Amino acid sequence: MQKQIVLFDGVCHFCSQSVQFIIKRDKQERFQFASLQGEVGQQLLTQYHTKNNINSMVLIQEGRVYTRSTAALKIANELDGAWKLCCACIIIPRFMRDKVYDIIANNRYKWFGKKDVCTIPSPQMRKRFLD
């Protein structure tokens, strides 16, 4: 199985906590991670022709790029437990899902805070991070 890559805002508390949430519920270790600010994240954005100033979590799955609410729902679908049920929200039109996603994304620093630097993962989690 090809690993799926999640690109996230490494200085956002909410985004970092989201990565920890995914790791805890990804027992098969399907996902690898890279921060949008890091060298690997920037290389992947360029490789997949995705804009650098993206305000979203990005999922790279089987050579395709997903952003915003679609990325979040596809990630939830791969997690262990009842999180797969979230994927039912995919029937909601994307413009509506993305509107809610954008409200959270645009306020994430104000509501959850911002760090000066990316968190350094523990040695056992380090293998899940690409940079």
N, C-alpha and C. Protein backbone atom coordinates (compact mmCIF):
# COMPACT_ATOMS: atom_id res chain seq x y z
N MET A 1 0.84 -1.19 0.00
CA MET A 1 0.00 0.00 0.00
C MET A 1 0.89 1.25 0.00
N GLN A 2 0.60 2.16 -0.88
CA GLN A 2 1.34 3.41 -0.98
C GLN A 2 0.95 4.32 0.18
N LYS A 3 1.95 4.93 0.80
CA LYS A 3 1.68 5.86 1.89
C LYS A 3 0.96 7.09 1.37
N GLN A 4 0.10 7.61 2.21
CA GLN A 4 -0.59 8.86 1.91
C GLN A 4 0.12 9.96 2.69
N ILE A 5 0.22 11.12 2.09
CA ILE A 5 0.96 12.21 2.71
C ILE A 5 0.01 13.34 3.09
N VAL A 6 0.14 13.78 4.33
CA VAL A 6 -0.63 14.92 4.82
C VAL A 6 0.33 16.08 5.01
N LEU A 7 0.05 17.17 4.32
CA LEU A 7 0.80 18.42 4.52
C LEU A 7 -0.04 19.30 5.43
N PHE A 8 0.60 19.89 6.44
CA PHE A 8 -0.13 20.66 7.44
C PHE A 8 0.65 21.90 7.82
N ASP A 9 -0.03 22.87 8.38
CA ASP A 9 0.59 24.10 8.87
C ASP A 9 1.31 23.78 10.18
N GLY A 10 2.63 23.75 10.12
CA GLY A 10 3.42 23.33 11.27
C GLY A 10 3.47 24.32 12.41
N VAL A 11 3.05 25.54 12.21
CA VAL A 11 3.08 26.52 13.31
C VAL A 11 1.70 26.74 13.93
N CYS A 12 0.70 26.06 13.42
CA CYS A 12 -0.67 26.19 13.93
C CYS A 12 -0.93 25.11 14.98
N HIS A 13 -1.34 25.54 16.18
CA HIS A 13 -1.64 24.57 17.25
C HIS A 13 -2.74 23.60 16.83
N PHE A 14 -3.81 24.10 16.23
CA PHE A 14 -4.92 23.24 15.82
C PHE A 14 -4.45 22.21 14.79
N CYS A 15 -3.64 22.65 13.84
CA CYS A 15 -3.16 21.74 12.80
C CYS A 15 -2.25 20.66 13.38
N SER A 16 -1.35 21.06 14.29
CA SER A 16 -0.46 20.10 14.94
C SER A 16 -1.25 19.09 15.77
N GLN A 17 -2.28 19.57 16.46
CA GLN A 17 -3.13 18.66 17.23
C GLN A 17 -3.91 17.72 16.30
N SER A 18 -4.29 18.22 15.13
CA SER A 18 -4.97 17.38 14.15
C SER A 18 -4.07 16.24 13.69
N VAL A 19 -2.79 16.54 13.50
CA VAL A 19 -1.82 15.50 13.11
C VAL A 19 -1.72 14.46 14.22
N GLN A 20 -1.64 14.90 15.48
CA GLN A 20 -1.59 13.96 16.60
C GLN A 20 -2.85 13.10 16.65
N PHE A 21 -4.00 13.71 16.38
CA PHE A 21 -5.28 13.00 16.32
C PHE A 21 -5.23 11.91 15.25
N ILE A 22 -4.72 12.25 14.08
CA ILE A 22 -4.62 11.28 12.98
C ILE A 22 -3.69 10.13 13.38
N ILE A 23 -2.53 10.46 13.91
CA ILE A 23 -1.54 9.43 14.28
C ILE A 23 -2.14 8.42 15.26
N LYS A 24 -2.87 8.91 16.26
CA LYS A 24 -3.45 8.01 17.27
C LYS A 24 -4.49 7.06 16.68
N ARG A 25 -5.11 7.45 15.58
CA ARG A 25 -6.18 6.65 14.98
C ARG A 25 -5.77 5.99 13.67
N ASP A 26 -4.48 6.01 13.40
CA ASP A 26 -3.93 5.41 12.18
C ASP A 26 -2.98 4.29 12.57
N LYS A 27 -3.53 3.22 13.12
CA LYS A 27 -2.72 2.10 13.63
C LYS A 27 -1.93 1.41 12.53
N GLN A 28 -2.41 1.44 11.29
CA GLN A 28 -1.71 0.80 10.18
C GLN A 28 -0.65 1.72 9.56
N GLU A 29 -0.51 2.90 10.11
CA GLU A 29 0.49 3.87 9.66
C GLU A 29 0.40 4.13 8.16
N ARG A 30 -0.80 4.43 7.70
CA ARG A 30 -1.04 4.75 6.29
C ARG A 30 -0.51 6.13 5.93
N PHE A 31 -0.48 7.03 6.92
CA PHE A 31 -0.15 8.43 6.66
C PHE A 31 1.28 8.78 7.07
N GLN A 32 1.88 9.63 6.23
CA GLN A 32 3.12 10.30 6.58
C GLN A 32 2.81 11.79 6.57
N PHE A 33 3.68 12.58 7.20
CA PHE A 33 3.38 13.99 7.40
C PHE A 33 4.56 14.87 7.04
N ALA A 34 4.24 16.06 6.57
CA ALA A 34 5.25 17.09 6.34
C ALA A 34 4.58 18.44 6.54
N SER A 35 5.33 19.38 7.11
CA SER A 35 4.75 20.71 7.31
C SER A 35 4.79 21.48 5.99
N LEU A 36 3.81 22.33 5.81
CA LEU A 36 3.76 23.18 4.62
C LEU A 36 4.97 24.12 4.56
N GLN A 37 5.52 24.46 5.71
CA GLN A 37 6.64 25.39 5.77
C GLN A 37 7.98 24.72 5.50
N GLY A 38 8.02 23.39 5.59
CA GLY A 38 9.28 22.66 5.45
C GLY A 38 9.70 22.46 4.00
N GLU A 39 10.94 22.03 3.85
CA GLU A 39 11.50 21.81 2.51
C GLU A 39 10.73 20.73 1.76
N VAL A 40 10.45 19.62 2.41
CA VAL A 40 9.71 18.53 1.76
C VAL A 40 8.31 18.98 1.39
N GLY A 41 7.64 19.68 2.29
CA GLY A 41 6.29 20.18 2.00
C GLY A 41 6.29 21.10 0.79
N GLN A 42 7.26 22.00 0.74
CA GLN A 42 7.35 22.93 -0.39
C GLN A 42 7.66 22.18 -1.70
N GLN A 43 8.52 21.16 -1.63
CA GLN A 43 8.83 20.36 -2.82
C GLN A 43 7.59 19.63 -3.32
N LEU A 44 6.81 19.08 -2.40
CA LEU A 44 5.59 18.37 -2.79
C LEU A 44 4.56 19.31 -3.40
N LEU A 45 4.43 20.50 -2.83
CA LEU A 45 3.50 21.48 -3.41
C LEU A 45 3.90 21.80 -4.85
N THR A 46 5.20 21.97 -5.06
CA THR A 46 5.69 22.26 -6.42
C THR A 46 5.47 21.05 -7.33
N GLN A 47 5.82 19.87 -6.85
CA GLN A 47 5.68 18.64 -7.64
C GLN A 47 4.25 18.42 -8.09
N TYR A 48 3.29 18.71 -7.22
CA TYR A 48 1.88 18.48 -7.52
C TYR A 48 1.17 19.74 -8.02
N HIS A 49 1.96 20.76 -8.36
CA HIS A 49 1.42 22.00 -8.94
C HIS A 49 0.33 22.62 -8.07
N THR A 50 0.63 22.70 -6.79
CA THR A 50 -0.29 23.28 -5.81
C THR A 50 0.31 24.60 -5.34
N LYS A 51 -0.53 25.61 -5.18
CA LYS A 51 -0.02 26.93 -4.80
C LYS A 51 0.66 26.89 -3.43
N ASN A 52 1.69 27.70 -3.27
CA ASN A 52 2.48 27.73 -2.04
C ASN A 52 1.77 28.38 -0.87
N ASN A 53 0.89 29.33 -1.13
CA ASN A 53 0.23 30.05 -0.04
C ASN A 53 -1.09 29.40 0.36
N ILE A 54 -1.16 28.12 0.26
CA ILE A 54 -2.40 27.39 0.54
C ILE A 54 -2.76 27.52 2.02
N ASN A 55 -4.02 27.68 2.29
CA ASN A 55 -4.54 27.86 3.64
C ASN A 55 -5.35 26.63 4.03
N SER A 56 -4.74 25.46 3.82
CA SER A 56 -5.49 24.22 4.00
C SER A 56 -4.55 23.07 4.32
N MET A 57 -5.11 22.07 4.97
CA MET A 57 -4.42 20.80 5.07
C MET A 57 -4.49 20.18 3.67
N VAL A 58 -3.44 19.51 3.27
CA VAL A 58 -3.37 18.91 1.94
C VAL A 58 -3.17 17.41 2.11
N LEU A 59 -3.91 16.62 1.34
CA LEU A 59 -3.74 15.17 1.31
C LEU A 59 -3.28 14.78 -0.08
N ILE A 60 -2.18 14.03 -0.14
CA ILE A 60 -1.72 13.45 -1.39
C ILE A 60 -1.98 11.95 -1.29
N GLN A 61 -2.87 11.47 -2.14
CA GLN A 61 -3.34 10.09 -2.07
C GLN A 61 -3.36 9.53 -3.49
N GLU A 62 -2.58 8.48 -3.70
CA GLU A 62 -2.52 7.82 -5.01
C GLU A 62 -2.26 8.81 -6.14
N GLY A 63 -1.33 9.73 -5.91
CA GLY A 63 -0.95 10.68 -6.94
C GLY A 63 -1.90 11.85 -7.15
N ARG A 64 -2.95 11.93 -6.37
CA ARG A 64 -3.91 13.04 -6.48
C ARG A 64 -3.81 13.91 -5.24
N VAL A 65 -4.12 15.19 -5.42
CA VAL A 65 -4.06 16.16 -4.34
C VAL A 65 -5.48 16.56 -3.94
N TYR A 66 -5.74 16.52 -2.64
CA TYR A 66 -7.03 16.95 -2.09
C TYR A 66 -6.76 18.04 -1.06
N THR A 67 -7.62 19.02 -1.01
CA THR A 67 -7.47 20.11 -0.05
C THR A 67 -8.80 20.35 0.66
N ARG A 68 -8.71 21.19 1.68
CA ARG A 68 -9.87 21.67 2.42
C ARG A 68 -10.74 20.52 2.94
N SER A 69 -12.04 20.65 2.84
CA SER A 69 -12.95 19.67 3.45
C SER A 69 -12.80 18.29 2.82
N THR A 70 -12.51 18.22 1.54
CA THR A 70 -12.36 16.92 0.89
C THR A 70 -11.16 16.18 1.47
N ALA A 71 -10.06 16.87 1.70
CA ALA A 71 -8.89 16.25 2.33
C ALA A 71 -9.25 15.73 3.72
N ALA A 72 -9.92 16.55 4.51
CA ALA A 72 -10.30 16.15 5.88
C ALA A 72 -11.20 14.92 5.87
N LEU A 73 -12.17 14.88 4.97
CA LEU A 73 -13.09 13.74 4.92
C LEU A 73 -12.39 12.48 4.43
N LYS A 74 -11.50 12.60 3.46
CA LYS A 74 -10.76 11.44 2.97
C LYS A 74 -9.82 10.90 4.04
N ILE A 75 -9.24 11.79 4.82
CA ILE A 75 -8.40 11.35 5.94
C ILE A 75 -9.26 10.60 6.96
N ALA A 76 -10.39 11.18 7.34
CA ALA A 76 -11.29 10.54 8.31
C ALA A 76 -11.70 9.15 7.84
N ASN A 77 -11.89 8.99 6.55
CA ASN A 77 -12.31 7.70 5.99
C ASN A 77 -11.25 6.61 6.17
N GLU A 78 -9.99 7.01 6.34
CA GLU A 78 -8.89 6.05 6.49
C GLU A 78 -8.59 5.73 7.95
N LEU A 79 -9.18 6.47 8.88
CA LEU A 79 -8.87 6.29 10.30
C LEU A 79 -9.60 5.08 10.88
N ASP A 80 -9.02 4.55 11.94
CA ASP A 80 -9.64 3.44 12.66
C ASP A 80 -10.83 3.95 13.46
N GLY A 81 -11.82 3.10 13.63
CA GLY A 81 -12.98 3.45 14.42
C GLY A 81 -14.10 4.05 13.59
N ALA A 82 -14.99 4.72 14.29
CA ALA A 82 -16.21 5.27 13.66
C ALA A 82 -15.96 6.52 12.83
N TRP A 83 -14.73 6.97 12.73
CA TRP A 83 -14.43 8.19 11.98
C TRP A 83 -14.77 8.04 10.50
N LYS A 84 -14.83 6.80 10.01
CA LYS A 84 -15.21 6.56 8.62
C LYS A 84 -16.61 7.11 8.33
N LEU A 85 -17.45 7.17 9.35
CA LEU A 85 -18.81 7.69 9.17
C LEU A 85 -18.83 9.16 8.74
N CYS A 86 -17.78 9.88 9.07
CA CYS A 86 -17.69 11.29 8.66
C CYS A 86 -17.72 11.43 7.15
N CYS A 87 -17.26 10.39 6.48
CA CYS A 87 -17.19 10.46 5.01
C CYS A 87 -18.57 10.60 4.39
N ALA A 88 -19.61 10.30 5.13
CA ALA A 88 -20.97 10.49 4.61
C ALA A 88 -21.22 11.96 4.30
N CYS A 89 -20.48 12.85 4.94
CA CYS A 89 -20.62 14.29 4.68
C CYS A 89 -20.18 14.68 3.27
N ILE A 90 -19.56 13.75 2.57
CA ILE A 90 -19.12 14.03 1.21
C ILE A 90 -20.30 14.33 0.29
N ILE A 91 -21.50 13.91 0.70
CA ILE A 91 -22.69 14.19 -0.13
C ILE A 91 -23.11 15.66 -0.04
N ILE A 92 -22.63 16.36 0.98
CA ILE A 92 -22.90 17.80 1.08
C ILE A 92 -22.08 18.47 -0.02
N PRO A 93 -22.67 19.36 -0.78
CA PRO A 93 -21.92 20.02 -1.85
C PRO A 93 -20.61 20.63 -1.33
N ARG A 94 -19.56 20.46 -2.12
CA ARG A 94 -18.22 20.89 -1.69
C ARG A 94 -18.18 22.37 -1.34
N PHE A 95 -18.86 23.22 -2.08
CA PHE A 95 -18.80 24.66 -1.77
C PHE A 95 -19.34 24.93 -0.36
N MET A 96 -20.31 24.15 0.09
CA MET A 96 -20.85 24.33 1.44
C MET A 96 -19.87 23.80 2.49
N ARG A 97 -19.31 22.61 2.24
CA ARG A 97 -18.32 22.03 3.16
C ARG A 97 -17.11 22.93 3.27
N ASP A 98 -16.64 23.42 2.12
CA ASP A 98 -15.45 24.26 2.12
C ASP A 98 -15.68 25.60 2.80
N LYS A 99 -16.91 26.10 2.76
CA LYS A 99 -17.23 27.36 3.45
C LYS A 99 -16.99 27.19 4.96
N VAL A 100 -17.46 26.08 5.53
CA VAL A 100 -17.26 25.80 6.96
C VAL A 100 -15.76 25.60 7.23
N TYR A 101 -15.11 24.83 6.36
CA TYR A 101 -13.67 24.59 6.51
C TYR A 101 -12.92 25.93 6.51
N ASP A 102 -13.25 26.81 5.57
CA ASP A 102 -12.56 28.09 5.45
C ASP A 102 -12.75 28.98 6.67
N ILE A 103 -13.92 28.93 7.28
CA ILE A 103 -14.15 29.72 8.50
C ILE A 103 -13.16 29.28 9.58
N ILE A 104 -13.01 27.97 9.74
CA ILE A 104 -12.07 27.44 10.74
C ILE A 104 -10.63 27.78 10.34
N ALA A 105 -10.28 27.52 9.08
CA ALA A 105 -8.91 27.77 8.61
C ALA A 105 -8.52 29.24 8.74
N ASN A 106 -9.43 30.13 8.41
CA ASN A 106 -9.12 31.56 8.44
C ASN A 106 -9.03 32.12 9.86
N ASN A 107 -9.55 31.39 10.83
CA ASN A 107 -9.53 31.85 12.23
C ASN A 107 -8.67 30.96 13.13
N ARG A 108 -7.96 30.00 12.56
CA ARG A 108 -7.25 29.01 13.38
C ARG A 108 -6.20 29.63 14.29
N TYR A 109 -5.47 30.63 13.85
CA TYR A 109 -4.46 31.25 14.70
C TYR A 109 -5.13 32.03 15.83
N LYS A 110 -6.21 32.73 15.51
CA LYS A 110 -6.91 33.53 16.52
C LYS A 110 -7.54 32.62 17.58
N TRP A 111 -8.16 31.54 17.15
CA TRP A 111 -8.87 30.67 18.08
C TRP A 111 -7.96 29.68 18.81
N PHE A 112 -6.93 29.16 18.14
CA PHE A 112 -6.12 28.08 18.71
C PHE A 112 -4.67 28.45 18.97
N GLY A 113 -4.24 29.56 18.41
CA GLY A 113 -2.87 30.01 18.64
C GLY A 113 -1.90 29.58 17.55
N LYS A 114 -0.72 30.19 17.63
CA LYS A 114 0.32 29.96 16.64
C LYS A 114 1.64 29.81 17.38
N LYS A 115 2.48 28.90 16.89
CA LYS A 115 3.80 28.67 17.47
C LYS A 115 4.84 29.39 16.62
N ASP A 116 5.99 29.65 17.20
CA ASP A 116 7.09 30.27 16.46
C ASP A 116 7.79 29.27 15.55
N VAL A 117 7.78 28.01 15.97
CA VAL A 117 8.44 26.95 15.19
C VAL A 117 7.59 25.70 15.21
N CYS A 118 7.88 24.78 14.29
CA CYS A 118 7.17 23.50 14.24
C CYS A 118 7.56 22.65 15.45
N THR A 119 6.65 21.83 15.92
CA THR A 119 6.92 20.91 17.01
C THR A 119 7.83 19.79 16.50
N ILE A 120 8.80 19.40 17.31
CA ILE A 120 9.67 18.29 16.94
C ILE A 120 9.03 17.01 17.47
N PRO A 121 8.78 16.04 16.57
CA PRO A 121 8.12 14.81 17.00
C PRO A 121 9.04 13.94 17.86
N SER A 122 8.42 13.08 18.65
CA SER A 122 9.18 12.15 19.48
C SER A 122 9.94 11.18 18.57
N PRO A 123 10.98 10.52 19.07
CA PRO A 123 11.76 9.59 18.23
C PRO A 123 10.90 8.50 17.59
N GLN A 124 9.91 7.96 18.30
CA GLN A 124 9.08 6.91 17.73
C GLN A 124 8.14 7.44 16.65
N MET A 125 7.74 8.70 16.74
CA MET A 125 6.88 9.29 15.71
C MET A 125 7.67 9.87 14.55
N ARG A 126 8.96 10.07 14.75
CA ARG A 126 9.80 10.72 13.74
C ARG A 126 9.71 10.02 12.39
N LYS A 127 9.59 8.70 12.39
CA LYS A 127 9.55 7.95 11.13
C LYS A 127 8.32 8.29 10.29
N ARG A 128 7.30 8.88 10.89
CA ARG A 128 6.07 9.25 10.18
C ARG A 128 6.20 10.61 9.49
N PHE A 129 7.25 11.35 9.81
CA PHE A 129 7.43 12.71 9.28
C PHE A 129 8.50 12.71 8.20
N LEU A 130 8.22 13.40 7.12
CA LEU A 130 9.12 13.43 5.97
C LEU A 130 10.19 14.50 6.09
N ASP A 131 10.01 15.48 6.96
CA ASP A 131 11.03 16.51 7.17
C ASP A 131 11.10 16.91 8.61
